[in-house]
């Protein structure tokens, strides 16, 4: 755009507008990084709290399980009898989930 009638002031205004637009875009990029980092920190803190709460719940339920087992023994049950009922003793591992096996596919063949 070479216009002979453009003044130096108009050129300066246009140049400033271009520079300011570039600076604004760069600043906005940094602000986006700061916001993403803040959200990441909040998510990390939330995760740590959830894990802490889950660990506390696990300790409480483990203690309740042990107390119930001990109460059953005090009520006259033997460990062998309790295991025979299918209940798990405290400290034992939880039953493993079995993977479901799909039935084999049946091929479509014409019957004669």
N, C-alpha and C. Protein backbone atom coordinates (compact mmCIF):
# COMPACT_ATOMS: atom_id res chain seq x y z
N UNK A 1 0.85 -1.16 0.00
CA UNK A 1 0.00 0.00 0.00
C UNK A 1 0.90 1.23 0.00
N UNK A 2 1.27 1.68 -1.15
CA UNK A 2 2.11 2.88 -1.21
C UNK A 2 1.26 4.04 -1.67
N UNK A 3 0.86 4.81 -0.72
CA UNK A 3 0.03 5.98 -1.01
C UNK A 3 0.89 7.21 -0.74
N UNK A 4 1.11 7.99 -1.74
CA UNK A 4 1.98 9.15 -1.62
C UNK A 4 1.42 10.18 -0.66
N UNK A 5 0.11 10.13 -0.41
CA UNK A 5 -0.52 11.13 0.44
C UNK A 5 -0.55 10.70 1.91
N UNK A 6 0.01 9.53 2.26
CA UNK A 6 0.03 9.05 3.64
C UNK A 6 1.08 9.84 4.40
N UNK A 7 0.65 10.33 5.54
CA UNK A 7 1.59 11.11 6.35
C UNK A 7 2.42 10.19 7.23
N UNK A 8 3.49 10.73 7.76
CA UNK A 8 4.34 9.98 8.66
C UNK A 8 3.56 9.57 9.91
N UNK A 9 2.69 10.43 10.39
CA UNK A 9 1.88 10.11 11.58
C UNK A 9 0.95 8.92 11.31
N UNK A 10 0.35 8.88 10.12
CA UNK A 10 -0.54 7.77 9.78
C UNK A 10 0.25 6.45 9.68
N UNK A 11 1.43 6.53 9.13
CA UNK A 11 2.29 5.34 9.04
C UNK A 11 2.65 4.87 10.44
N UNK A 12 2.97 5.80 11.32
CA UNK A 12 3.33 5.45 12.69
C UNK A 12 2.15 4.80 13.41
N UNK A 13 0.95 5.34 13.20
CA UNK A 13 -0.25 4.77 13.83
C UNK A 13 -0.46 3.34 13.34
N UNK A 14 -0.33 3.12 12.05
CA UNK A 14 -0.51 1.78 11.50
C UNK A 14 0.56 0.81 12.04
N UNK A 15 1.79 1.27 12.11
CA UNK A 15 2.88 0.43 12.62
C UNK A 15 2.62 0.07 14.08
N UNK A 16 2.19 1.07 14.88
CA UNK A 16 1.88 0.78 16.30
C UNK A 16 0.75 -0.23 16.42
N UNK A 17 -0.27 -0.11 15.58
CA UNK A 17 -1.40 -1.04 15.62
C UNK A 17 -0.94 -2.46 15.32
N UNK A 18 -0.05 -2.61 14.34
CA UNK A 18 0.46 -3.94 14.01
C UNK A 18 1.30 -4.50 15.16
N UNK A 19 2.15 -3.67 15.73
CA UNK A 19 3.00 -4.11 16.84
C UNK A 19 2.15 -4.45 18.06
N UNK A 20 1.16 -3.61 18.37
CA UNK A 20 0.30 -3.86 19.52
C UNK A 20 -0.52 -5.13 19.35
N UNK A 21 -0.97 -5.41 18.13
CA UNK A 21 -1.71 -6.65 17.88
C UNK A 21 -0.81 -7.85 18.11
N UNK A 22 0.44 -7.77 17.68
CA UNK A 22 1.39 -8.86 17.90
C UNK A 22 1.69 -9.04 19.38
N UNK A 23 1.89 -7.93 20.08
CA UNK A 23 2.17 -7.99 21.51
C UNK A 23 0.98 -8.57 22.26
N UNK A 24 -0.22 -8.17 21.89
CA UNK A 24 -1.43 -8.68 22.55
C UNK A 24 -1.56 -10.19 22.34
N UNK A 25 -1.28 -10.65 21.15
CA UNK A 25 -1.36 -12.09 20.88
C UNK A 25 -0.33 -12.85 21.71
N UNK A 26 0.86 -12.31 21.82
CA UNK A 26 1.90 -12.96 22.61
C UNK A 26 1.55 -12.97 24.09
N UNK A 27 1.04 -11.84 24.58
CA UNK A 27 0.64 -11.76 25.99
C UNK A 27 -0.50 -12.73 26.27
N UNK A 28 -1.46 -12.80 25.36
CA UNK A 28 -2.59 -13.74 25.53
C UNK A 28 -2.10 -15.18 25.57
N UNK A 29 -1.06 -15.50 24.82
CA UNK A 29 -0.50 -16.86 24.84
C UNK A 29 0.09 -17.16 26.21
N UNK A 30 0.77 -16.19 26.80
CA UNK A 30 1.36 -16.40 28.12
C UNK A 30 0.26 -16.50 29.18
N UNK A 31 -0.77 -15.70 29.07
CA UNK A 31 -1.90 -15.78 30.00
C UNK A 31 -2.55 -17.16 29.90
N UNK A 32 -2.68 -17.71 28.70
CA UNK A 32 -3.27 -19.04 28.51
C UNK A 32 -2.40 -20.10 29.18
N UNK A 33 -1.09 -19.95 29.10
CA UNK A 33 -0.19 -20.89 29.78
C UNK A 33 -0.38 -20.82 31.28
N UNK A 34 -0.46 -19.61 31.81
CA UNK A 34 -0.63 -19.43 33.26
C UNK A 34 -1.95 -20.04 33.73
N UNK A 35 -3.01 -19.85 32.96
CA UNK A 35 -4.31 -20.41 33.34
C UNK A 35 -4.28 -21.93 33.28
N UNK A 36 -3.67 -22.48 32.25
CA UNK A 36 -3.57 -23.94 32.13
C UNK A 36 -2.75 -24.52 33.28
N UNK A 37 -1.68 -23.83 33.66
CA UNK A 37 -0.86 -24.31 34.78
C UNK A 37 -1.65 -24.27 36.08
N UNK A 38 -2.45 -23.22 36.26
CA UNK A 38 -3.27 -23.11 37.47
C UNK A 38 -4.30 -24.23 37.52
N UNK A 39 -4.93 -24.52 36.39
CA UNK A 39 -5.90 -25.62 36.35
C UNK A 39 -5.22 -26.97 36.59
N UNK A 40 -4.03 -27.14 36.06
CA UNK A 40 -3.28 -28.37 36.27
C UNK A 40 -2.93 -28.54 37.75
N UNK A 41 -2.50 -27.46 38.39
CA UNK A 41 -2.17 -27.52 39.82
C UNK A 41 -3.41 -27.87 40.64
N UNK A 42 -4.56 -27.30 40.29
CA UNK A 42 -5.80 -27.59 41.01
C UNK A 42 -6.20 -29.06 40.83
N UNK A 43 -6.07 -29.57 39.61
CA UNK A 43 -6.41 -30.97 39.34
C UNK A 43 -5.47 -31.90 40.10
N UNK A 44 -4.20 -31.55 40.17
CA UNK A 44 -3.22 -32.36 40.89
C UNK A 44 -3.53 -32.36 42.39
N UNK A 45 -3.88 -31.20 42.93
CA UNK A 45 -4.23 -31.13 44.35
C UNK A 45 -5.49 -31.94 44.63
N UNK A 46 -6.45 -31.87 43.72
CA UNK A 46 -7.69 -32.65 43.88
C UNK A 46 -7.39 -34.14 43.86
N UNK A 47 -6.55 -34.56 42.93
CA UNK A 47 -6.17 -35.97 42.84
C UNK A 47 -5.52 -36.44 44.14
N UNK A 48 -4.60 -35.64 44.66
CA UNK A 48 -3.92 -36.02 45.90
C UNK A 48 -4.92 -36.14 47.05
N UNK A 49 -5.91 -35.25 47.10
CA UNK A 49 -6.91 -35.30 48.17
C UNK A 49 -7.79 -36.54 48.01
N UNK A 50 -8.17 -36.85 46.78
CA UNK A 50 -9.00 -38.03 46.54
C UNK A 50 -8.25 -39.30 46.96
N UNK A 51 -6.97 -39.37 46.61
CA UNK A 51 -6.16 -40.54 46.99
C UNK A 51 -6.05 -40.62 48.51
N UNK A 52 -5.82 -39.49 49.15
CA UNK A 52 -5.71 -39.46 50.62
C UNK A 52 -7.02 -39.93 51.26
N UNK A 53 -8.14 -39.44 50.74
CA UNK A 53 -9.45 -39.85 51.27
C UNK A 53 -9.71 -41.33 51.04
N UNK A 54 -9.33 -41.84 49.87
CA UNK A 54 -9.54 -43.25 49.56
C UNK A 54 -8.67 -44.13 50.46
N UNK A 55 -7.45 -43.69 50.72
CA UNK A 55 -6.57 -44.46 51.61
C UNK A 55 -7.14 -44.49 53.03
N UNK A 56 -7.70 -43.36 53.49
CA UNK A 56 -8.30 -43.32 54.82
C UNK A 56 -9.52 -44.25 54.88
N UNK A 57 -10.33 -44.24 53.82
CA UNK A 57 -11.50 -45.12 53.77
C UNK A 57 -11.07 -46.59 53.76
N UNK A 58 -10.00 -46.89 53.06
CA UNK A 58 -9.49 -48.26 53.03
C UNK A 58 -9.02 -48.69 54.42
N UNK A 59 -8.29 -47.81 55.11
CA UNK A 59 -7.85 -48.16 56.47
C UNK A 59 -9.04 -48.40 57.39
N UNK A 60 -10.05 -47.54 57.30
CA UNK A 60 -11.24 -47.72 58.16
C UNK A 60 -11.97 -49.02 57.85
N UNK A 61 -12.13 -49.32 56.56
CA UNK A 61 -12.84 -50.55 56.21
C UNK A 61 -12.01 -51.79 56.57
N UNK A 62 -10.69 -51.69 56.46
CA UNK A 62 -9.83 -52.81 56.86
C UNK A 62 -9.93 -53.05 58.36
N UNK A 63 -9.95 -51.97 59.14
CA UNK A 63 -10.11 -52.10 60.59
C UNK A 63 -11.46 -52.70 60.95
N UNK A 64 -12.52 -52.28 60.25
CA UNK A 64 -13.85 -52.82 60.50
C UNK A 64 -13.91 -54.30 60.15
N UNK A 65 -13.24 -54.68 59.06
CA UNK A 65 -13.20 -56.08 58.63
C UNK A 65 -12.49 -56.93 59.70
N UNK A 66 -11.36 -56.42 60.18
CA UNK A 66 -10.62 -57.15 61.20
C UNK A 66 -11.43 -57.27 62.49
N UNK A 67 -12.13 -56.20 62.85
CA UNK A 67 -12.94 -56.23 64.08
C UNK A 67 -14.09 -57.22 63.93
N UNK A 68 -14.72 -57.26 62.76
CA UNK A 68 -15.82 -58.21 62.52
C UNK A 68 -15.31 -59.64 62.56
N UNK A 69 -14.15 -59.88 62.00
CA UNK A 69 -13.55 -61.23 62.03
C UNK A 69 -13.28 -61.66 63.47
N UNK A 70 -12.70 -60.72 64.22
CA UNK A 70 -12.38 -61.02 65.61
C UNK A 70 -13.66 -61.28 66.42
N UNK A 71 -14.70 -60.52 66.13
CA UNK A 71 -15.98 -60.72 66.82
C UNK A 71 -16.57 -62.08 66.49
N UNK A 72 -16.42 -62.51 65.23
CA UNK A 72 -16.93 -63.83 64.84
C UNK A 72 -16.16 -64.93 65.57
N UNK A 73 -14.85 -64.76 65.70
CA UNK A 73 -14.05 -65.74 66.43
C UNK A 73 -14.46 -65.77 67.91
N UNK A 74 -14.72 -64.59 68.46
CA UNK A 74 -15.16 -64.51 69.86
C UNK A 74 -16.54 -65.12 70.05
N UNK A 75 -17.34 -65.14 68.99
CA UNK A 75 -18.68 -65.71 69.06
C UNK A 75 -18.66 -67.23 68.92
N UNK A 76 -17.47 -67.80 68.73
CA UNK A 76 -17.38 -69.25 68.69
C UNK A 76 -17.02 -69.84 67.35
N UNK A 77 -16.90 -69.05 66.32
CA UNK A 77 -16.50 -69.56 65.02
C UNK A 77 -15.01 -69.85 65.02
N UNK A 78 -14.62 -70.85 64.25
CA UNK A 78 -13.19 -71.08 64.04
C UNK A 78 -12.82 -70.46 62.69
N UNK A 79 -11.53 -70.24 62.50
CA UNK A 79 -11.09 -69.68 61.22
C UNK A 79 -11.44 -70.60 60.07
N UNK A 80 -11.30 -71.90 60.30
CA UNK A 80 -11.61 -72.88 59.25
C UNK A 80 -13.08 -72.80 58.88
N UNK A 81 -13.96 -72.70 59.89
CA UNK A 81 -15.40 -72.61 59.63
C UNK A 81 -15.73 -71.32 58.87
N UNK A 82 -15.11 -70.23 59.27
CA UNK A 82 -15.39 -68.97 58.60
C UNK A 82 -14.95 -69.02 57.13
N UNK A 83 -13.78 -69.58 56.89
CA UNK A 83 -13.31 -69.71 55.50
C UNK A 83 -14.25 -70.60 54.70
N UNK A 84 -14.79 -71.63 55.36
CA UNK A 84 -15.71 -72.55 54.66
C UNK A 84 -16.99 -71.84 54.23
N UNK A 85 -17.34 -70.74 54.93
CA UNK A 85 -18.54 -69.99 54.52
C UNK A 85 -18.29 -69.16 53.28
N UNK A 86 -17.01 -68.96 52.95
CA UNK A 86 -16.69 -68.18 51.76
C UNK A 86 -16.26 -66.75 52.07
N UNK A 87 -16.26 -66.39 53.36
CA UNK A 87 -15.81 -65.03 53.69
C UNK A 87 -14.29 -64.98 53.70
N UNK A 88 -13.77 -63.84 53.43
CA UNK A 88 -12.34 -63.65 53.34
C UNK A 88 -11.81 -63.14 54.68
N UNK A 89 -10.69 -63.67 55.08
CA UNK A 89 -10.09 -63.24 56.34
C UNK A 89 -9.41 -61.88 56.15
N UNK A 90 -9.26 -61.12 57.22
CA UNK A 90 -8.58 -59.82 57.10
C UNK A 90 -7.16 -60.01 56.59
N UNK A 91 -6.74 -59.11 55.76
CA UNK A 91 -5.39 -59.19 55.20
C UNK A 91 -5.31 -60.09 53.98
N UNK A 92 -6.34 -60.85 53.72
CA UNK A 92 -6.34 -61.70 52.53
C UNK A 92 -6.58 -60.85 51.30
N UNK A 93 -6.18 -61.36 50.17
CA UNK A 93 -6.37 -60.59 48.94
C UNK A 93 -7.82 -60.71 48.47
N UNK A 94 -8.27 -59.65 47.83
CA UNK A 94 -9.63 -59.64 47.28
C UNK A 94 -9.70 -60.61 46.11
N UNK A 95 -10.87 -61.19 45.89
CA UNK A 95 -11.00 -62.11 44.76
C UNK A 95 -10.70 -61.39 43.45
N UNK A 96 -10.04 -62.09 42.55
CA UNK A 96 -9.70 -61.50 41.27
C UNK A 96 -10.90 -61.58 40.33
N UNK A 97 -11.03 -60.53 39.53
CA UNK A 97 -12.11 -60.51 38.55
C UNK A 97 -11.70 -61.38 37.37
N UNK A 98 -12.59 -62.24 36.98
CA UNK A 98 -12.31 -63.09 35.83
C UNK A 98 -12.62 -62.33 34.56
N UNK A 99 -11.78 -62.56 33.55
CA UNK A 99 -12.05 -61.96 32.26
C UNK A 99 -13.12 -62.79 31.58
N UNK A 100 -14.06 -62.10 31.00
CA UNK A 100 -15.14 -62.79 30.32
C UNK A 100 -14.66 -63.22 28.94
N UNK A 101 -14.86 -64.49 28.67
CA UNK A 101 -14.48 -65.00 27.36
C UNK A 101 -15.71 -65.01 26.48
N UNK A 102 -15.58 -64.42 25.30
CA UNK A 102 -16.69 -64.41 24.36
C UNK A 102 -16.79 -65.77 23.69
N UNK A 103 -18.00 -66.14 23.35
CA UNK A 103 -18.21 -67.40 22.65
C UNK A 103 -17.59 -67.29 21.26
N UNK A 104 -17.03 -68.39 20.75
CA UNK A 104 -16.43 -68.33 19.41
C UNK A 104 -17.49 -68.01 18.37
N UNK A 105 -17.09 -67.24 17.39
CA UNK A 105 -18.02 -66.86 16.33
C UNK A 105 -18.38 -68.09 15.50
N UNK A 106 -19.63 -68.17 15.12
CA UNK A 106 -20.10 -69.29 14.30
C UNK A 106 -20.13 -68.82 12.86
N UNK A 107 -19.46 -69.54 11.99
CA UNK A 107 -19.41 -69.15 10.59
C UNK A 107 -20.74 -69.49 9.92
N UNK A 108 -21.20 -68.58 9.10
CA UNK A 108 -22.43 -68.82 8.35
C UNK A 108 -22.11 -69.67 7.13
N UNK A 109 -22.49 -70.94 7.20
CA UNK A 109 -22.28 -71.82 6.05
C UNK A 109 -23.63 -72.36 5.63
N UNK A 110 -23.84 -72.40 4.35
CA UNK A 110 -25.15 -72.94 3.89
C UNK A 110 -25.24 -74.43 4.21
N UNK A 111 -26.37 -74.83 4.69
CA UNK A 111 -26.57 -76.24 4.99
C UNK A 111 -27.26 -76.90 3.83
N UNK A 112 -26.90 -78.14 3.57
CA UNK A 112 -27.48 -78.86 2.45
C UNK A 112 -28.41 -79.91 2.91
